[in-house]
């Protein structure tokens, strides 16, 4: 299978999520500076950035919530986020959708053959 197949898959995921889902805004956490432990050099302040995308907000299965050895808590949401136009590097901080703001707890990238199709985001209010 070639790369264009997965690019088409990413486009199809975007169309389906845009059609059945909602708009969302991802705001990355800003950093107050500090230093790089590898170089010992100071790091400038990082300004918070935002990205906009399309997502579907879902509940986790009851079997997964508060199960031993899981980080999923009662009220967490499983958010399927189209990868189209979204940078994984800035996928931290918060995600706002449907009038709710969720703290991004975890992100799983679905990327067959290295082409990001969707991100599965664990969001916590």
Protein backbone atom coordinates (compact mmCIF):
# COMPACT_ATOMS: atom_id res chain seq x y z
CA UNK A 1 0.00 0.00 0.00
CA UNK A 2 1.34 3.36 -0.88
CA UNK A 3 1.29 6.67 0.97
CA UNK A 4 -1.59 8.10 -1.07
CA UNK A 5 -3.89 5.40 0.34
CA UNK A 6 -3.26 6.64 3.89
CA UNK A 7 -3.55 10.27 2.85
CA UNK A 8 -6.97 9.41 1.39
CA UNK A 9 -7.81 7.62 4.66
CA UNK A 10 -6.89 10.79 6.62
CA UNK A 11 -9.07 12.89 4.29
CA UNK A 12 -11.98 10.47 4.72
CA UNK A 13 -11.59 10.57 8.52
CA UNK A 14 -11.63 14.37 8.40
CA UNK A 15 -14.80 14.44 6.27
CA UNK A 16 -16.64 11.99 8.54
CA UNK A 17 -15.58 13.73 11.74
CA UNK A 18 -16.42 17.15 10.27
CA UNK A 19 -19.84 15.87 9.18
CA UNK A 20 -20.80 14.05 12.39
CA UNK A 21 -18.61 15.85 14.94
CA UNK A 22 -17.97 19.36 16.13
CA UNK A 23 -15.40 22.15 16.01
CA UNK A 24 -12.75 22.16 18.71
CA UNK A 25 -9.88 24.34 19.84
CA UNK A 26 -6.64 23.01 21.26
CA UNK A 27 -4.62 25.42 23.40
CA UNK A 28 -1.14 24.28 24.31
CA UNK A 29 0.35 24.99 27.70
CA UNK A 30 2.66 27.94 27.88
CA UNK A 31 5.99 27.51 29.59
CA UNK A 32 7.56 29.95 31.98
CA UNK A 33 11.05 29.41 30.63
CA UNK A 34 13.66 27.52 32.61
CA UNK A 35 16.71 25.71 31.34
CA UNK A 36 17.54 22.82 29.09
CA UNK A 37 18.97 20.05 31.31
CA UNK A 38 21.04 18.67 28.41
CA UNK A 39 22.81 21.93 27.58
CA UNK A 40 22.34 23.91 30.80
CA UNK A 41 21.29 26.87 28.65
CA UNK A 42 18.23 29.00 29.45
CA UNK A 43 15.01 28.44 27.52
CA UNK A 44 12.94 31.44 26.50
CA UNK A 45 9.32 31.71 27.52
CA UNK A 46 7.05 29.75 25.21
CA UNK A 47 3.87 31.53 24.18
CA UNK A 48 0.65 29.49 24.25
CA UNK A 49 -0.63 28.63 20.79
CA UNK A 50 -4.00 27.42 19.55
CA UNK A 51 -5.04 25.00 16.85
CA UNK A 52 -8.54 24.44 15.54
CA UNK A 53 -9.84 21.13 14.35
CA UNK A 54 -12.76 18.74 14.13
CA UNK A 55 -13.55 16.14 16.76
CA UNK A 56 -16.10 13.71 18.18
CA UNK A 57 -16.53 13.60 21.97
CA UNK A 58 -17.43 10.17 23.37
CA UNK A 59 -17.74 8.49 26.76
CA UNK A 60 -15.40 5.67 27.71
CA UNK A 61 -16.84 2.21 28.17
CA UNK A 62 -18.00 1.59 31.75
CA UNK A 63 -15.63 -1.39 31.86
CA UNK A 64 -12.59 0.91 31.48
CA UNK A 65 -13.53 3.59 34.00
CA UNK A 66 -11.78 3.23 37.38
CA UNK A 67 -10.51 -0.21 36.40
CA UNK A 68 -7.36 -1.33 38.21
CA UNK A 69 -4.17 -0.39 36.34
CA UNK A 70 -5.89 2.24 34.16
CA UNK A 71 -5.59 6.02 34.16
CA UNK A 72 -9.17 6.54 32.96
CA UNK A 73 -11.31 8.21 35.62
CA UNK A 74 -15.06 8.71 35.96
CA UNK A 75 -16.08 11.60 33.67
CA UNK A 76 -13.09 11.34 31.30
CA UNK A 77 -13.95 11.66 27.62
CA UNK A 78 -12.57 9.81 24.63
CA UNK A 79 -12.12 12.46 21.95
CA UNK A 80 -11.46 11.42 18.36
CA UNK A 81 -9.64 14.31 16.71
CA UNK A 82 -8.98 14.49 12.98
CA UNK A 83 -5.23 14.75 12.44
CA UNK A 84 -5.67 16.95 9.36
CA UNK A 85 -4.00 20.29 10.07
CA UNK A 86 -3.12 19.40 13.69
CA UNK A 87 0.45 19.30 14.99
CA UNK A 88 1.11 16.50 17.47
CA UNK A 89 3.94 18.57 18.98
CA UNK A 90 1.40 21.11 20.24
CA UNK A 91 -1.20 18.61 21.42
CA UNK A 92 -1.04 19.30 25.12
CA UNK A 93 -2.82 21.67 27.44
CA UNK A 94 -6.57 21.86 26.85
CA UNK A 95 -9.16 20.97 24.24
CA UNK A 96 -12.45 22.91 24.10
CA UNK A 97 -15.50 21.35 22.42
CA UNK A 98 -19.26 21.47 22.91
CA UNK A 99 -18.89 24.26 25.48
CA UNK A 100 -16.59 22.20 27.74
CA UNK A 101 -12.87 22.55 28.33
CA UNK A 102 -10.95 19.31 28.83
CA UNK A 103 -7.41 18.93 30.09
CA UNK A 104 -5.49 16.68 27.71
CA UNK A 105 -4.35 13.69 29.78
CA UNK A 106 -3.09 11.40 27.04
CA UNK A 107 -2.85 11.31 23.24
CA UNK A 108 -2.63 8.25 21.04
CA UNK A 109 -1.71 8.86 17.42
CA UNK A 110 -3.28 6.50 14.85
CA UNK A 111 -0.73 6.60 12.04
CA UNK A 112 -0.51 3.63 9.72
CA UNK A 113 2.65 3.82 7.61
CA UNK A 114 3.62 7.06 9.36
CA UNK A 115 0.64 9.11 8.10
CA UNK A 116 -1.38 10.57 10.98
CA UNK A 117 -5.08 9.79 10.44
CA UNK A 118 -6.65 10.61 13.81
CA UNK A 119 -5.61 11.31 17.38
CA UNK A 120 -7.40 9.60 20.25
CA UNK A 121 -7.34 12.13 23.08
CA UNK A 122 -8.19 11.40 26.71
CA UNK A 123 -9.80 14.55 28.06
CA UNK A 124 -10.63 15.38 31.68
CA UNK A 125 -12.92 18.17 32.90
